[in-house]
Amino acid sequence: MVSNQILVRHAEELSQALDLRADVVEDGPHIFVIVRNAPLPLGLFQVDTSDILLIADQQYPLSAMDMFWTEVEVIKADDSIPQGADAIEHYLGRPWRRFSWHRNGIWKPTGNPLLQHYATVEARWVKEANR
């Protein structure tokens, strides 16, 4: 059972905004949000979609989210590993590629910070595509 109903509501709003499924799974101190089959920038990676893992804790929305994780197959079209994405970590019984791309802005616990964090992920895709 997920104890953080605010995160559940925010994940539902994210699902509606993106027209993608977002699952919320509680596991120990972490609450995971998995955005299923999220589109990636065309031509940047060897795959066009990936599950995206976002990690919150029991203090959400007060505590800031940072980084994000993808399926391990998310490597660049030229076979290189994206900068800051060489670590593979295991959550929820499967491996994930950690994108150690950190937030540069202030975390705002008002509104829907999950949507704001996902917008940060998408902005980093654009930045990576323009390198």
N, C-alpha and C. Protein backbone atom coordinates (compact mmCIF):
# COMPACT_ATOMS: atom_id res chain seq x y z
N MET A 1 0.83 -1.18 0.00
CA MET A 1 0.00 0.00 0.00
C MET A 1 0.89 1.25 0.00
N VAL A 2 0.57 2.19 -0.82
CA VAL A 2 1.32 3.43 -0.88
C VAL A 2 0.78 4.39 0.16
N SER A 3 1.68 4.83 1.03
CA SER A 3 1.24 5.70 2.12
C SER A 3 1.15 7.16 1.72
N ASN A 4 1.73 7.52 0.59
CA ASN A 4 1.76 8.92 0.20
C ASN A 4 0.72 9.19 -0.89
N GLN A 5 -0.48 9.53 -0.47
CA GLN A 5 -1.58 9.74 -1.43
C GLN A 5 -1.35 10.97 -2.29
N ILE A 6 -0.57 11.93 -1.81
CA ILE A 6 -0.26 13.10 -2.64
C ILE A 6 0.52 12.66 -3.87
N LEU A 7 1.52 11.77 -3.67
CA LEU A 7 2.30 11.28 -4.80
C LEU A 7 1.44 10.49 -5.76
N VAL A 8 0.52 9.71 -5.25
CA VAL A 8 -0.39 8.95 -6.11
C VAL A 8 -1.21 9.92 -6.98
N ARG A 9 -1.73 10.96 -6.36
CA ARG A 9 -2.51 11.95 -7.12
C ARG A 9 -1.63 12.65 -8.16
N HIS A 10 -0.42 13.01 -7.77
CA HIS A 10 0.49 13.67 -8.70
C HIS A 10 0.87 12.74 -9.86
N ALA A 11 1.03 11.45 -9.58
CA ALA A 11 1.32 10.49 -10.65
C ALA A 11 0.14 10.36 -11.61
N GLU A 12 -1.07 10.40 -11.09
CA GLU A 12 -2.25 10.38 -11.96
C GLU A 12 -2.29 11.61 -12.85
N GLU A 13 -1.95 12.77 -12.30
CA GLU A 13 -1.90 14.00 -13.10
C GLU A 13 -0.80 13.91 -14.16
N LEU A 14 0.35 13.33 -13.80
CA LEU A 14 1.43 13.14 -14.77
C LEU A 14 0.97 12.22 -15.89
N SER A 15 0.29 11.13 -15.54
CA SER A 15 -0.23 10.20 -16.55
C SER A 15 -1.15 10.90 -17.53
N GLN A 16 -2.04 11.72 -17.00
CA GLN A 16 -2.96 12.44 -17.87
C GLN A 16 -2.25 13.45 -18.74
N ALA A 17 -1.29 14.17 -18.17
CA ALA A 17 -0.57 15.20 -18.93
C ALA A 17 0.27 14.60 -20.05
N LEU A 18 0.86 13.43 -19.81
CA LEU A 18 1.75 12.81 -20.79
C LEU A 18 1.05 11.78 -21.65
N ASP A 19 -0.16 11.40 -21.28
CA ASP A 19 -0.87 10.31 -21.92
C ASP A 19 -0.04 9.03 -21.87
N LEU A 20 0.55 8.79 -20.70
CA LEU A 20 1.35 7.60 -20.44
C LEU A 20 0.92 7.03 -19.09
N ARG A 21 1.17 5.75 -18.91
CA ARG A 21 0.86 5.12 -17.63
C ARG A 21 1.99 5.41 -16.64
N ALA A 22 1.64 5.80 -15.43
CA ALA A 22 2.61 6.00 -14.36
C ALA A 22 2.17 5.18 -13.16
N ASP A 23 2.99 4.21 -12.78
CA ASP A 23 2.69 3.35 -11.64
C ASP A 23 3.45 3.85 -10.42
N VAL A 24 2.83 3.76 -9.26
CA VAL A 24 3.46 4.14 -8.00
C VAL A 24 3.62 2.87 -7.17
N VAL A 25 4.86 2.61 -6.74
CA VAL A 25 5.17 1.40 -5.98
C VAL A 25 5.98 1.78 -4.76
N GLU A 26 5.52 1.37 -3.60
CA GLU A 26 6.25 1.62 -2.36
C GLU A 26 7.11 0.42 -2.04
N ASP A 27 8.37 0.67 -1.67
CA ASP A 27 9.28 -0.41 -1.32
C ASP A 27 10.25 0.12 -0.27
N GLY A 28 10.00 -0.23 0.97
CA GLY A 28 10.85 0.26 2.06
C GLY A 28 10.74 1.77 2.18
N PRO A 29 11.89 2.45 2.27
CA PRO A 29 11.86 3.91 2.45
C PRO A 29 11.57 4.67 1.15
N HIS A 30 11.59 3.94 0.05
CA HIS A 30 11.39 4.60 -1.24
C HIS A 30 9.97 4.44 -1.75
N ILE A 31 9.54 5.44 -2.49
CA ILE A 31 8.31 5.33 -3.27
C ILE A 31 8.73 5.58 -4.71
N PHE A 32 8.51 4.60 -5.56
CA PHE A 32 8.93 4.67 -6.95
C PHE A 32 7.77 5.08 -7.84
N VAL A 33 8.06 5.89 -8.81
CA VAL A 33 7.11 6.20 -9.88
C VAL A 33 7.76 5.69 -11.16
N ILE A 34 7.05 4.80 -11.85
CA ILE A 34 7.54 4.26 -13.11
C ILE A 34 6.65 4.78 -14.22
N VAL A 35 7.22 5.59 -15.08
CA VAL A 35 6.51 6.09 -16.26
C VAL A 35 6.78 5.08 -17.36
N ARG A 36 5.74 4.42 -17.81
CA ARG A 36 5.87 3.30 -18.75
C ARG A 36 5.98 3.77 -20.19
N ASN A 37 6.95 3.18 -20.89
CA ASN A 37 7.13 3.39 -22.34
C ASN A 37 7.17 4.87 -22.71
N ALA A 38 7.95 5.63 -21.97
CA ALA A 38 8.08 7.06 -22.26
C ALA A 38 8.89 7.26 -23.54
N PRO A 39 8.45 8.16 -24.39
CA PRO A 39 9.20 8.41 -25.63
C PRO A 39 10.52 9.12 -25.32
N LEU A 40 11.54 8.74 -26.06
CA LEU A 40 12.85 9.37 -25.98
C LEU A 40 13.06 10.18 -27.26
N PRO A 41 13.97 11.15 -27.23
CA PRO A 41 14.20 11.95 -28.44
C PRO A 41 14.62 11.05 -29.62
N LEU A 42 13.94 11.21 -30.73
CA LEU A 42 14.21 10.37 -31.90
C LEU A 42 15.65 10.51 -32.36
N GLY A 43 16.29 9.37 -32.58
CA GLY A 43 17.64 9.34 -33.12
C GLY A 43 18.74 9.53 -32.09
N LEU A 44 18.42 9.92 -30.87
CA LEU A 44 19.46 10.16 -29.87
C LEU A 44 19.95 8.85 -29.25
N PHE A 45 19.03 7.94 -29.01
CA PHE A 45 19.36 6.67 -28.36
C PHE A 45 19.05 5.51 -29.29
N GLN A 46 19.52 4.32 -28.90
CA GLN A 46 19.29 3.13 -29.71
C GLN A 46 17.87 2.61 -29.58
N VAL A 47 17.13 3.10 -28.62
CA VAL A 47 15.72 2.73 -28.45
C VAL A 47 14.89 4.01 -28.47
N ASP A 48 13.64 3.88 -28.86
CA ASP A 48 12.76 5.05 -28.97
C ASP A 48 11.95 5.32 -27.71
N THR A 49 11.80 4.28 -26.84
CA THR A 49 11.02 4.43 -25.62
C THR A 49 11.74 3.70 -24.49
N SER A 50 11.39 4.07 -23.27
CA SER A 50 11.93 3.38 -22.10
C SER A 50 11.01 3.65 -20.92
N ASP A 51 10.98 2.70 -20.00
CA ASP A 51 10.39 3.01 -18.71
C ASP A 51 11.32 4.01 -18.03
N ILE A 52 10.76 4.99 -17.35
CA ILE A 52 11.53 5.98 -16.61
C ILE A 52 11.18 5.80 -15.13
N LEU A 53 12.21 5.65 -14.32
CA LEU A 53 12.03 5.47 -12.88
C LEU A 53 12.38 6.77 -12.16
N LEU A 54 11.47 7.21 -11.32
CA LEU A 54 11.69 8.38 -10.47
C LEU A 54 11.55 7.90 -9.03
N ILE A 55 12.39 8.41 -8.15
CA ILE A 55 12.39 7.93 -6.78
C ILE A 55 12.06 9.06 -5.82
N ALA A 56 11.07 8.81 -4.99
CA ALA A 56 10.68 9.74 -3.93
C ALA A 56 10.85 9.01 -2.60
N ASP A 57 10.60 9.73 -1.52
CA ASP A 57 10.62 9.10 -0.21
C ASP A 57 9.34 9.47 0.54
N GLN A 58 9.27 9.04 1.78
CA GLN A 58 8.06 9.25 2.58
C GLN A 58 7.78 10.72 2.88
N GLN A 59 8.75 11.58 2.65
CA GLN A 59 8.57 13.01 2.92
C GLN A 59 8.05 13.78 1.70
N TYR A 60 7.88 13.11 0.56
CA TYR A 60 7.36 13.79 -0.63
C TYR A 60 6.05 14.47 -0.29
N PRO A 61 5.81 15.68 -0.72
CA PRO A 61 6.56 16.51 -1.66
C PRO A 61 7.58 17.45 -1.01
N LEU A 62 7.79 17.33 0.29
CA LEU A 62 8.73 18.24 0.94
C LEU A 62 10.18 17.96 0.57
N SER A 63 10.53 16.69 0.41
CA SER A 63 11.91 16.37 0.04
C SER A 63 12.04 16.32 -1.48
N ALA A 64 13.14 16.85 -1.95
CA ALA A 64 13.36 16.97 -3.39
C ALA A 64 13.69 15.63 -4.03
N MET A 65 13.19 15.44 -5.24
CA MET A 65 13.59 14.30 -6.06
C MET A 65 14.84 14.72 -6.84
N ASP A 66 15.64 13.73 -7.20
CA ASP A 66 16.86 14.01 -7.94
C ASP A 66 17.14 12.84 -8.87
N MET A 67 17.73 13.13 -9.98
CA MET A 67 18.13 12.13 -10.97
C MET A 67 16.91 11.39 -11.53
N PHE A 68 17.22 10.42 -12.38
CA PHE A 68 16.20 9.52 -12.91
C PHE A 68 16.90 8.29 -13.46
N TRP A 69 16.14 7.24 -13.71
CA TRP A 69 16.67 5.98 -14.17
C TRP A 69 15.88 5.53 -15.39
N THR A 70 16.55 4.81 -16.28
CA THR A 70 15.91 4.25 -17.48
C THR A 70 16.24 2.77 -17.57
N GLU A 71 15.68 2.14 -18.57
CA GLU A 71 16.09 0.78 -18.87
C GLU A 71 17.55 0.80 -19.31
N VAL A 72 18.28 -0.28 -19.06
CA VAL A 72 19.72 -0.29 -19.34
C VAL A 72 20.03 -0.16 -20.83
N GLU A 73 19.07 -0.46 -21.68
CA GLU A 73 19.29 -0.38 -23.13
C GLU A 73 19.38 1.05 -23.65
N VAL A 74 19.12 2.01 -22.81
CA VAL A 74 19.17 3.41 -23.24
C VAL A 74 20.64 3.84 -23.30
N ILE A 75 21.20 3.64 -24.48
CA ILE A 75 22.54 4.12 -24.80
C ILE A 75 22.43 4.92 -26.08
N LYS A 76 23.43 5.74 -26.33
CA LYS A 76 23.36 6.64 -27.49
C LYS A 76 23.44 5.86 -28.79
N ALA A 77 22.95 6.47 -29.83
CA ALA A 77 22.90 5.83 -31.15
C ALA A 77 24.28 5.40 -31.63
N ASP A 78 25.33 6.10 -31.17
CA ASP A 78 26.69 5.75 -31.58
C ASP A 78 27.34 4.72 -30.65
N ASP A 79 26.54 4.01 -29.84
CA ASP A 79 26.98 2.97 -28.89
C ASP A 79 27.65 3.52 -27.64
N SER A 80 27.70 4.83 -27.46
CA SER A 80 28.33 5.38 -26.26
C SER A 80 27.31 5.50 -25.13
N ILE A 81 27.83 5.54 -23.93
CA ILE A 81 27.01 5.73 -22.74
C ILE A 81 26.84 7.24 -22.55
N PRO A 82 25.62 7.71 -22.32
CA PRO A 82 25.43 9.14 -22.06
C PRO A 82 26.25 9.59 -20.85
N GLN A 83 26.70 10.82 -20.89
CA GLN A 83 27.47 11.37 -19.78
C GLN A 83 26.66 11.26 -18.50
N GLY A 84 27.30 10.77 -17.44
CA GLY A 84 26.64 10.66 -16.14
C GLY A 84 25.65 9.52 -16.05
N ALA A 85 25.70 8.56 -17.00
CA ALA A 85 24.72 7.47 -17.00
C ALA A 85 25.40 6.10 -17.05
N ASP A 86 26.58 6.01 -16.49
CA ASP A 86 27.31 4.74 -16.57
C ASP A 86 26.98 3.77 -15.43
N ALA A 87 26.29 4.22 -14.40
CA ALA A 87 25.96 3.34 -13.27
C ALA A 87 24.68 2.56 -13.53
N ILE A 88 24.73 1.27 -13.20
CA ILE A 88 23.54 0.42 -13.26
C ILE A 88 23.17 0.06 -11.82
N GLU A 89 21.93 0.31 -11.45
CA GLU A 89 21.44 0.03 -10.11
C GLU A 89 20.22 -0.87 -10.19
N HIS A 90 19.94 -1.58 -9.12
CA HIS A 90 18.81 -2.51 -9.10
C HIS A 90 17.74 -2.02 -8.15
N TYR A 91 16.52 -1.88 -8.69
CA TYR A 91 15.34 -1.53 -7.92
C TYR A 91 14.18 -2.35 -8.43
N LEU A 92 13.33 -2.74 -7.53
CA LEU A 92 12.09 -3.45 -7.89
C LEU A 92 12.37 -4.70 -8.73
N GLY A 93 13.49 -5.36 -8.42
CA GLY A 93 13.81 -6.62 -9.07
C GLY A 93 14.34 -6.53 -10.48
N ARG A 94 14.79 -5.35 -10.89
CA ARG A 94 15.33 -5.24 -12.24
C ARG A 94 16.43 -4.18 -12.29
N PRO A 95 17.29 -4.25 -13.29
CA PRO A 95 18.36 -3.26 -13.41
C PRO A 95 17.86 -1.97 -14.07
N TRP A 96 18.46 -0.86 -13.65
CA TRP A 96 18.12 0.45 -14.20
C TRP A 96 19.41 1.23 -14.47
N ARG A 97 19.44 1.98 -15.55
CA ARG A 97 20.56 2.89 -15.83
C ARG A 97 20.29 4.20 -15.11
N ARG A 98 21.21 4.58 -14.23
CA ARG A 98 21.04 5.84 -13.49
C ARG A 98 21.60 7.00 -14.30
N PHE A 99 20.74 7.97 -14.53
CA PHE A 99 21.16 9.22 -15.15
C PHE A 99 21.42 10.19 -14.00
N SER A 100 22.69 10.40 -13.71
CA SER A 100 23.08 11.27 -12.61
C SER A 100 23.10 12.71 -13.13
N TRP A 101 21.96 13.11 -13.60
CA TRP A 101 21.74 14.47 -14.10
C TRP A 101 20.92 15.16 -13.03
N HIS A 102 21.51 16.11 -12.38
CA HIS A 102 20.90 16.70 -11.19
C HIS A 102 20.11 17.97 -11.51
N ARG A 103 19.16 18.22 -10.66
CA ARG A 103 18.34 19.44 -10.76
C ARG A 103 19.23 20.65 -10.52
N ASN A 104 19.05 21.68 -11.30
CA ASN A 104 19.79 22.92 -11.07
C ASN A 104 18.88 23.99 -10.46
N GLY A 105 17.60 23.73 -10.45
CA GLY A 105 16.66 24.71 -9.92
C GLY A 105 16.26 24.38 -8.49
N ILE A 106 15.44 25.23 -7.95
CA ILE A 106 14.93 25.07 -6.59
C ILE A 106 13.74 24.11 -6.62
N TRP A 107 13.71 23.20 -5.68
CA TRP A 107 12.58 22.28 -5.53
C TRP A 107 11.42 23.03 -4.91
N LYS A 108 10.28 23.01 -5.58
CA LYS A 108 9.08 23.68 -5.07
C LYS A 108 8.06 22.61 -4.69
N PRO A 109 7.78 22.44 -3.40
CA PRO A 109 6.85 21.39 -2.98
C PRO A 109 5.39 21.71 -3.24
N THR A 110 5.10 22.87 -3.81
CA THR A 110 3.72 23.23 -4.12
C THR A 110 3.38 22.81 -5.55
N GLY A 111 2.10 22.85 -5.86
CA GLY A 111 1.67 22.44 -7.20
C GLY A 111 1.88 20.95 -7.36
N ASN A 112 2.49 20.54 -8.48
CA ASN A 112 2.79 19.13 -8.70
C ASN A 112 4.29 19.01 -8.97
N PRO A 113 5.09 18.82 -7.93
CA PRO A 113 6.54 18.72 -8.13
C PRO A 113 6.96 17.51 -8.97
N LEU A 114 6.13 16.47 -9.01
CA LEU A 114 6.46 15.32 -9.86
C LEU A 114 6.45 15.74 -11.32
N LEU A 115 5.45 16.50 -11.73
CA LEU A 115 5.42 17.03 -13.10
C LEU A 115 6.62 17.93 -13.36
N GLN A 116 6.97 18.75 -12.38
CA GLN A 116 8.13 19.62 -12.53
C GLN A 116 9.41 18.82 -12.69
N HIS A 117 9.54 17.74 -11.93
CA HIS A 117 10.74 16.90 -12.02
C HIS A 117 10.80 16.22 -13.39
N TYR A 118 9.66 15.73 -13.86
CA TYR A 118 9.65 15.08 -15.17
C TYR A 118 9.98 16.09 -16.27
N ALA A 119 9.55 17.33 -16.11
CA ALA A 119 9.92 18.37 -17.08
C ALA A 119 11.43 18.58 -17.09
N THR A 120 12.08 18.44 -15.93
CA THR A 120 13.53 18.52 -15.86
C THR A 120 14.17 17.38 -16.65
N VAL A 121 13.60 16.19 -16.53
CA VAL A 121 14.09 15.04 -17.30
C VAL A 121 14.00 15.34 -18.80
N GLU A 122 12.85 15.80 -19.23
CA GLU A 122 12.66 16.10 -20.66
C GLU A 122 13.60 17.21 -21.13
N ALA A 123 13.82 18.22 -20.29
CA ALA A 123 14.74 19.30 -20.66
C ALA A 123 16.16 18.77 -20.84
N ARG A 124 16.53 17.80 -20.01
CA ARG A 124 17.87 17.22 -20.14
C ARG A 124 17.99 16.40 -21.42
N TRP A 125 16.90 15.75 -21.85
CA TRP A 125 16.95 15.03 -23.14
C TRP A 125 17.29 16.02 -24.24
N VAL A 126 16.62 17.17 -24.22
CA VAL A 126 16.84 18.19 -25.26
C VAL A 126 18.30 18.67 -25.21
N LYS A 127 18.79 18.91 -24.02
CA LYS A 127 20.17 19.36 -23.86
C LYS A 127 21.13 18.31 -24.41
N GLU A 128 20.88 17.05 -24.11
CA GLU A 128 21.74 15.97 -24.60
C GLU A 128 21.67 15.86 -26.11
N ALA A 129 20.49 16.06 -26.68
CA ALA A 129 20.33 15.97 -28.13
C ALA A 129 21.07 17.10 -28.85
N ASN A 130 21.26 18.23 -28.18
CA ASN A 130 21.92 19.38 -28.79
C ASN A 130 23.41 19.44 -28.51
N ARG A 131 23.97 18.41 -27.91
CA ARG A 131 25.43 18.39 -27.64
C ARG A 131 26.20 18.23 -28.91
